Structure formats: C-alpha cells, structure tokens
PDB file of N, CA and C in Angstrom:
ATOM      1  N   MET A   1      79.251 176.868  47.816  1.00  0.00           N
ATOM      2  CA  MET A   1      79.023 177.181  46.447  1.00  0.00           C
ATOM      3  C   MET A   1      78.087 178.399  46.396  1.00  0.00           C
ATOM      4  N   ASN A   2      78.392 179.264  45.408  1.00  0.00           N
ATOM      5  CA  ASN A   2      77.520 180.415  45.247  1.00  0.00           C
ATOM      6  C   ASN A   2      77.236 180.656  43.770  1.00  0.00           C
ATOM      7  N   PHE A   3      76.334 181.536  43.537  1.00  0.00           N
ATOM      8  CA  PHE A   3      75.912 181.755  42.131  1.00  0.00           C
ATOM      9  C   PHE A   3      77.073 182.274  41.304  1.00  0.00           C
ATOM     10  N   ARG A   4      77.920 183.113  41.877  1.00  0.00           N
ATOM     11  CA  ARG A   4      79.024 183.753  41.155  1.00  0.00           C
ATOM     12  C   ARG A   4      79.996 182.616  40.652  1.00  0.00           C
ATOM     13  N   GLN A   5      80.275 181.681  41.498  1.00  0.00           N
ATOM     14  CA  GLN A   5      81.154 180.594  41.081  1.00  0.00           C
ATOM     15  C   GLN A   5      80.643 179.830  39.898  1.00  0.00           C
ATOM     16  N   LEU A   6      79.311 179.549  39.951  1.00  0.00           N
ATOM     17  CA  LEU A   6      78.723 178.866  38.846  1.00  0.00           C
ATOM     18  C   LEU A   6      78.670 179.696  37.606  1.00  0.00           C
ATOM     19  N   GLU A   7      78.410 180.960  37.827  1.00  0.00           N
ATOM     20  CA  GLU A   7      78.397 181.892  36.627  1.00  0.00           C
ATOM     21  C   GLU A   7      79.729 181.898  35.913  1.00  0.00           C
ATOM     22  N   TYR A   8      80.818 181.994  36.707  1.00  0.00           N
ATOM     23  CA  TYR A   8      82.146 182.042  36.150  1.00  0.00           C
ATOM     24  C   TYR A   8      82.502 180.702  35.470  1.00  0.00           C
ATOM     25  N   PHE A   9      82.107 179.587  36.053  1.00  0.00           N
ATOM     26  CA  PHE A   9      82.420 178.308  35.478  1.00  0.00           C
ATOM     27  C   PHE A   9      81.710 178.158  34.106  1.00  0.00           C
ATOM     28  N   LEU A  10      80.438 178.521  34.154  1.00  0.00           N
ATOM     29  CA  LEU A  10      79.650 178.420  32.902  1.00  0.00           C
ATOM     30  C   LEU A  10      80.185 179.353  31.788  1.00  0.00           C
ATOM     31  N   ALA A  11      80.654 180.526  32.246  1.00  0.00           N
ATOM     32  CA  ALA A  11      81.220 181.487  31.277  1.00  0.00           C
ATOM     33  C   ALA A  11      82.477 180.964  30.609  1.00  0.00           C
ATOM     34  N   VAL A  12      83.367 180.397  31.409  1.00  0.00           N
ATOM     35  CA  VAL A  12      84.577 179.829  30.908  1.00  0.00           C
ATOM     36  C   VAL A  12      84.262 178.661  29.921  1.00  0.00           C
ATOM     37  N   SER A  13      83.302 177.827  30.320  1.00  0.00           N
ATOM     38  CA  SER A  13      82.876 176.737  29.427  1.00  0.00           C
ATOM     39  C   SER A  13      82.280 177.229  28.159  1.00  0.00           C
ATOM     40  N   SER A  14      81.459 178.240  28.246  1.00  0.00           N
ATOM     41  CA  SER A  14      80.725 178.796  27.060  1.00  0.00           C
ATOM     42  C   SER A  14      81.636 179.508  26.083  1.00  0.00           C
ATOM     43  N   PHE A  15      82.511 180.403  26.668  1.00  0.00           N
ATOM     44  CA  PHE A  15      83.308 181.216  25.826  1.00  0.00           C
ATOM     45  C   PHE A  15      84.681 180.656  25.423  1.00  0.00           C
ATOM     46  N   GLY A  16      85.010 179.468  26.087  1.00  0.00           N
ATOM     47  CA  GLY A  16      86.187 178.727  25.623  1.00  0.00           C
ATOM     48  C   GLY A  16      87.486 179.130  26.254  1.00  0.00           C
ATOM     49  N   SER A  17      87.534 180.141  27.066  1.00  0.00           N
ATOM     50  CA  SER A  17      88.802 180.513  27.700  1.00  0.00           C
ATOM     51  C   SER A  17      88.556 181.391  28.905  1.00  0.00           C
ATOM     52  N   PHE A  18      89.513 181.437  29.799  1.00  0.00           N
ATOM     53  CA  PHE A  18      89.391 182.339  30.957  1.00  0.00           C
ATOM     54  C   PHE A  18      89.455 183.774  30.502  1.00  0.00           C
ATOM     55  N   THR A  19      90.234 184.061  29.507  1.00  0.00           N
ATOM     56  CA  THR A  19      90.416 185.404  29.028  1.00  0.00           C
ATOM     57  C   THR A  19      89.096 185.897  28.366  1.00  0.00           C
ATOM     58  N   ALA A  20      88.482 185.076  27.541  1.00  0.00           N
ATOM     59  CA  ALA A  20      87.208 185.509  26.923  1.00  0.00           C
ATOM     60  C   ALA A  20      86.114 185.661  27.969  1.00  0.00           C
ATOM     61  N   ALA A  21      86.081 184.758  28.936  1.00  0.00           N
ATOM     62  CA  ALA A  21      85.109 184.868  29.960  1.00  0.00           C
ATOM     63  C   ALA A  21      85.275 186.143  30.785  1.00  0.00           C
ATOM     64  N   SER A  22      86.563 186.441  31.141  1.00  0.00           N
ATOM     65  CA  SER A  22      86.766 187.627  31.957  1.00  0.00           C
ATOM     66  C   SER A  22      86.439 188.914  31.172  1.00  0.00           C
ATOM     67  N   GLN A  23      86.654 188.937  29.860  1.00  0.00           N
ATOM     68  CA  GLN A  23      86.345 190.105  29.064  1.00  0.00           C
ATOM     69  C   GLN A  23      84.853 190.254  28.966  1.00  0.00           C
ATOM     70  N   ARG A  24      84.107 189.143  28.746  1.00  0.00           N
ATOM     71  CA  ARG A  24      82.673 189.233  28.563  1.00  0.00           C
ATOM     72  C   ARG A  24      82.028 189.606  29.875  1.00  0.00           C
ATOM     73  N   LEU A  25      82.555 189.149  31.034  1.00  0.00           N
ATOM     74  CA  LEU A  25      81.900 189.443  32.288  1.00  0.00           C
ATOM     75  C   LEU A  25      82.397 190.695  32.954  1.00  0.00           C
ATOM     76  N   GLY A  26      83.505 191.195  32.382  1.00  0.00           N
ATOM     77  CA  GLY A  26      84.019 192.485  32.960  1.00  0.00           C
ATOM     78  C   GLY A  26      84.692 192.234  34.315  1.00  0.00           C
ATOM     79  N   VAL A  27      85.345 191.076  34.438  1.00  0.00           N
ATOM     80  CA  VAL A  27      85.973 190.660  35.690  1.00  0.00           C
ATOM     81  C   VAL A  27      87.429 190.317  35.421  1.00  0.00           C
ATOM     82  N   ALA A  28      88.316 190.619  36.325  1.00  0.00           N
ATOM     83  CA  ALA A  28      89.743 190.275  36.124  1.00  0.00           C
ATOM     84  C   ALA A  28      89.866 188.731  36.048  1.00  0.00           C
ATOM     85  N   GLN A  29      90.807 188.290  35.178  1.00  0.00           N
ATOM     86  CA  GLN A  29      90.972 186.870  34.968  1.00  0.00           C
ATOM     87  C   GLN A  29      91.349 186.096  36.254  1.00  0.00           C
ATOM     88  N   PRO A  30      92.292 186.660  37.089  1.00  0.00           N
ATOM     89  CA  PRO A  30      92.606 185.921  38.317  1.00  0.00           C
ATOM     90  C   PRO A  30      91.355 185.727  39.249  1.00  0.00           C
ATOM     91  N   THR A  31      90.450 186.661  39.216  1.00  0.00           N
ATOM     92  CA  THR A  31      89.183 186.497  40.037  1.00  0.00           C
ATOM     93  C   THR A  31      88.452 185.256  39.553  1.00  0.00           C
ATOM     94  N   ILE A  32      88.358 185.058  38.269  1.00  0.00           N
ATOM     95  CA  ILE A  32      87.645 183.936  37.760  1.00  0.00           C
ATOM     96  C   ILE A  32      88.383 182.627  38.094  1.00  0.00           C
ATOM     97  N   THR A  33      89.713 182.634  37.853  1.00  0.00           N
ATOM     98  CA  THR A  33      90.535 181.451  38.173  1.00  0.00           C
ATOM     99  C   THR A  33      90.368 181.064  39.696  1.00  0.00           C
ATOM    100  N   LYS A  34      90.482 182.049  40.566  1.00  0.00           N
ATOM    101  CA  LYS A  34      90.386 181.761  42.025  1.00  0.00           C
ATOM    102  C   LYS A  34      89.031 181.217  42.382  1.00  0.00           C
ATOM    103  N   SER A  35      87.985 181.810  41.752  1.00  0.00           N
ATOM    104  CA  SER A  35      86.635 181.395  42.085  1.00  0.00           C
ATOM    105  C   SER A  35      86.385 179.979  41.662  1.00  0.00           C
ATOM    106  N   ILE A  36      86.845 179.597  40.460  1.00  0.00           N
ATOM    107  CA  ILE A  36      86.661 178.216  39.970  1.00  0.00           C
ATOM    108  C   ILE A  36      87.457 177.245  40.840  1.00  0.00           C
ATOM    109  N   ARG A  37      88.633 177.665  41.166  1.00  0.00           N
ATOM    110  CA  ARG A  37      89.500 176.767  42.023  1.00  0.00           C
ATOM    111  C   ARG A  37      88.838 176.544  43.380  1.00  0.00           C
ATOM    112  N   ALA A  38      88.286 177.581  43.949  1.00  0.00           N
ATOM    113  CA  ALA A  38      87.529 177.512  45.242  1.00  0.00           C
ATOM    114  C   ALA A  38      86.378 176.532  45.094  1.00  0.00           C
ATOM    115  N   LEU A  39      85.667 176.600  43.963  1.00  0.00           N
ATOM    116  CA  LEU A  39      84.547 175.724  43.728  1.00  0.00           C
ATOM    117  C   LEU A  39      85.025 174.285  43.679  1.00  0.00           C
ATOM    118  N   GLU A  40      86.099 174.042  42.993  1.00  0.00           N
ATOM    119  CA  GLU A  40      86.679 172.685  42.870  1.00  0.00           C
ATOM    120  C   GLU A  40      87.053 172.151  44.281  1.00  0.00           C
ATOM    121  N   ILE A  41      87.700 172.976  45.074  1.00  0.00           N
ATOM    122  CA  ILE A  41      88.049 172.585  46.459  1.00  0.00           C
ATOM    123  C   ILE A  41      86.816 172.265  47.261  1.00  0.00           C
ATOM    124  N   GLU A  42      85.824 173.152  47.181  1.00  0.00           N
ATOM    125  CA  GLU A  42      84.602 172.935  47.964  1.00  0.00           C
ATOM    126  C   GLU A  42      83.894 171.670  47.555  1.00  0.00           C
ATOM    127  N   MET A  43      83.924 171.330  46.255  1.00  0.00           N
ATOM    128  CA  MET A  43      83.250 170.154  45.785  1.00  0.00           C
ATOM    129  C   MET A  43      84.086 168.932  45.894  1.00  0.00           C
ATOM    130  N   GLY A  44      85.367 169.092  46.036  1.00  0.00           N
ATOM    131  CA  GLY A  44      86.269 167.940  46.089  1.00  0.00           C
ATOM    132  C   GLY A  44      86.468 167.266  44.809  1.00  0.00           C
ATOM    133  N   VAL A  45      86.356 168.030  43.724  1.00  0.00           N
ATOM    134  CA  VAL A  45      86.574 167.454  42.366  1.00  0.00           C
ATOM    135  C   VAL A  45      87.323 168.445  41.520  1.00  0.00           C
ATOM    136  N   THR A  46      87.807 167.946  40.390  1.00  0.00           N
ATOM    137  CA  THR A  46      88.454 168.814  39.406  1.00  0.00           C
ATOM    138  C   THR A  46      87.451 168.975  38.290  1.00  0.00           C
ATOM    139  N   LEU A  47      87.022 170.206  38.061  1.00  0.00           N
ATOM    140  CA  LEU A  47      86.061 170.550  37.034  1.00  0.00           C
ATOM    141  C   LEU A  47      86.731 170.631  35.704  1.00  0.00           C
ATOM    142  N   ARG A  48      86.112 170.094  34.720  1.00  0.00           N
ATOM    143  CA  ARG A  48      86.683 170.069  33.386  1.00  0.00           C
ATOM    144  C   ARG A  48      85.822 170.864  32.364  1.00  0.00           C
ATOM    145  N   CYS A  49      86.456 171.671  31.651  1.00  0.00           N
ATOM    146  CA  CYS A  49      85.838 172.320  30.470  1.00  0.00           C
ATOM    147  C   CYS A  49      87.000 172.581  29.516  1.00  0.00           C
ATOM    148  N   SER A  50      86.718 172.934  28.287  1.00  0.00           N
ATOM    149  CA  SER A  50      87.711 173.084  27.269  1.00  0.00           C
ATOM    150  C   SER A  50      88.835 174.053  27.665  1.00  0.00           C
ATOM    151  N   ALA A  51      88.446 175.094  28.349  1.00  0.00           N
ATOM    152  CA  ALA A  51      89.481 176.110  28.686  1.00  0.00           C
ATOM    153  C   ALA A  51      90.290 175.663  29.919  1.00  0.00           C
ATOM    154  N   ILE A  52      89.693 174.863  30.736  1.00  0.00           N
ATOM    155  CA  ILE A  52      90.392 174.445  32.006  1.00  0.00           C
ATOM    156  C   ILE A  52      91.295 173.265  31.723  1.00  0.00           C
ATOM    157  N   SER A  53      90.898 172.348  30.906  1.00  0.00           N
ATOM    158  CA  SER A  53      91.676 171.161  30.718  1.00  0.00           C
ATOM    159  C   SER A  53      91.555 170.660  29.244  1.00  0.00           C
ATOM    160  N   ALA A  54      92.633 170.690  28.578  1.00  0.00           N
ATOM    161  CA  ALA A  54      92.688 170.182  27.238  1.00  0.00           C
ATOM    162  C   ALA A  54      93.021 168.673  27.229  1.00  0.00           C
ATOM    163  N   GLY A  55      92.573 167.964  26.286  1.00  0.00           N
ATOM    164  CA  GLY A  55      92.843 166.581  26.193  1.00  0.00           C
ATOM    165  C   GLY A  55      91.705 165.708  26.402  1.00  0.00           C
ATOM    166  N   PRO A  56      91.898 164.383  26.247  1.00  0.00           N
ATOM    167  CA  PRO A  56      90.725 163.424  26.347  1.00  0.00           C
ATOM    168  C   PRO A  56      90.201 163.289  27.762  1.00  0.00           C
TER     169      PRO A  56
END
C-alpha cells in the first residue's frame, strides 16, 4: 500500500466518481481504477464507496 493508492481511493469517495476524481487530481481515469484495484488485491478485500459500488 502506498500514499498514492490511498489518495486516489479517498478522492473517488469524496468526489463521488472516478471521472470527477481523475479531473480534480489531473490523473487519467484508468490510472485511478488500476491503483484502487491493486489496493483491493493487496488488502484482499473489495473496497466500497459510492462511485465504486452502488447499492446497499
């Protein structure tokens, strides 16, 4: 886990979408998606935020 992965996850959670997070951070959307997916694999969990997973 690194700071960038956490930064991206928090941005997606805060801004409500991968698109909004990528625009605010000035990073390509696939970069954010891959980083969060790598974080999930490393932690062995599925991370949930409104932009990542809709529903109850």
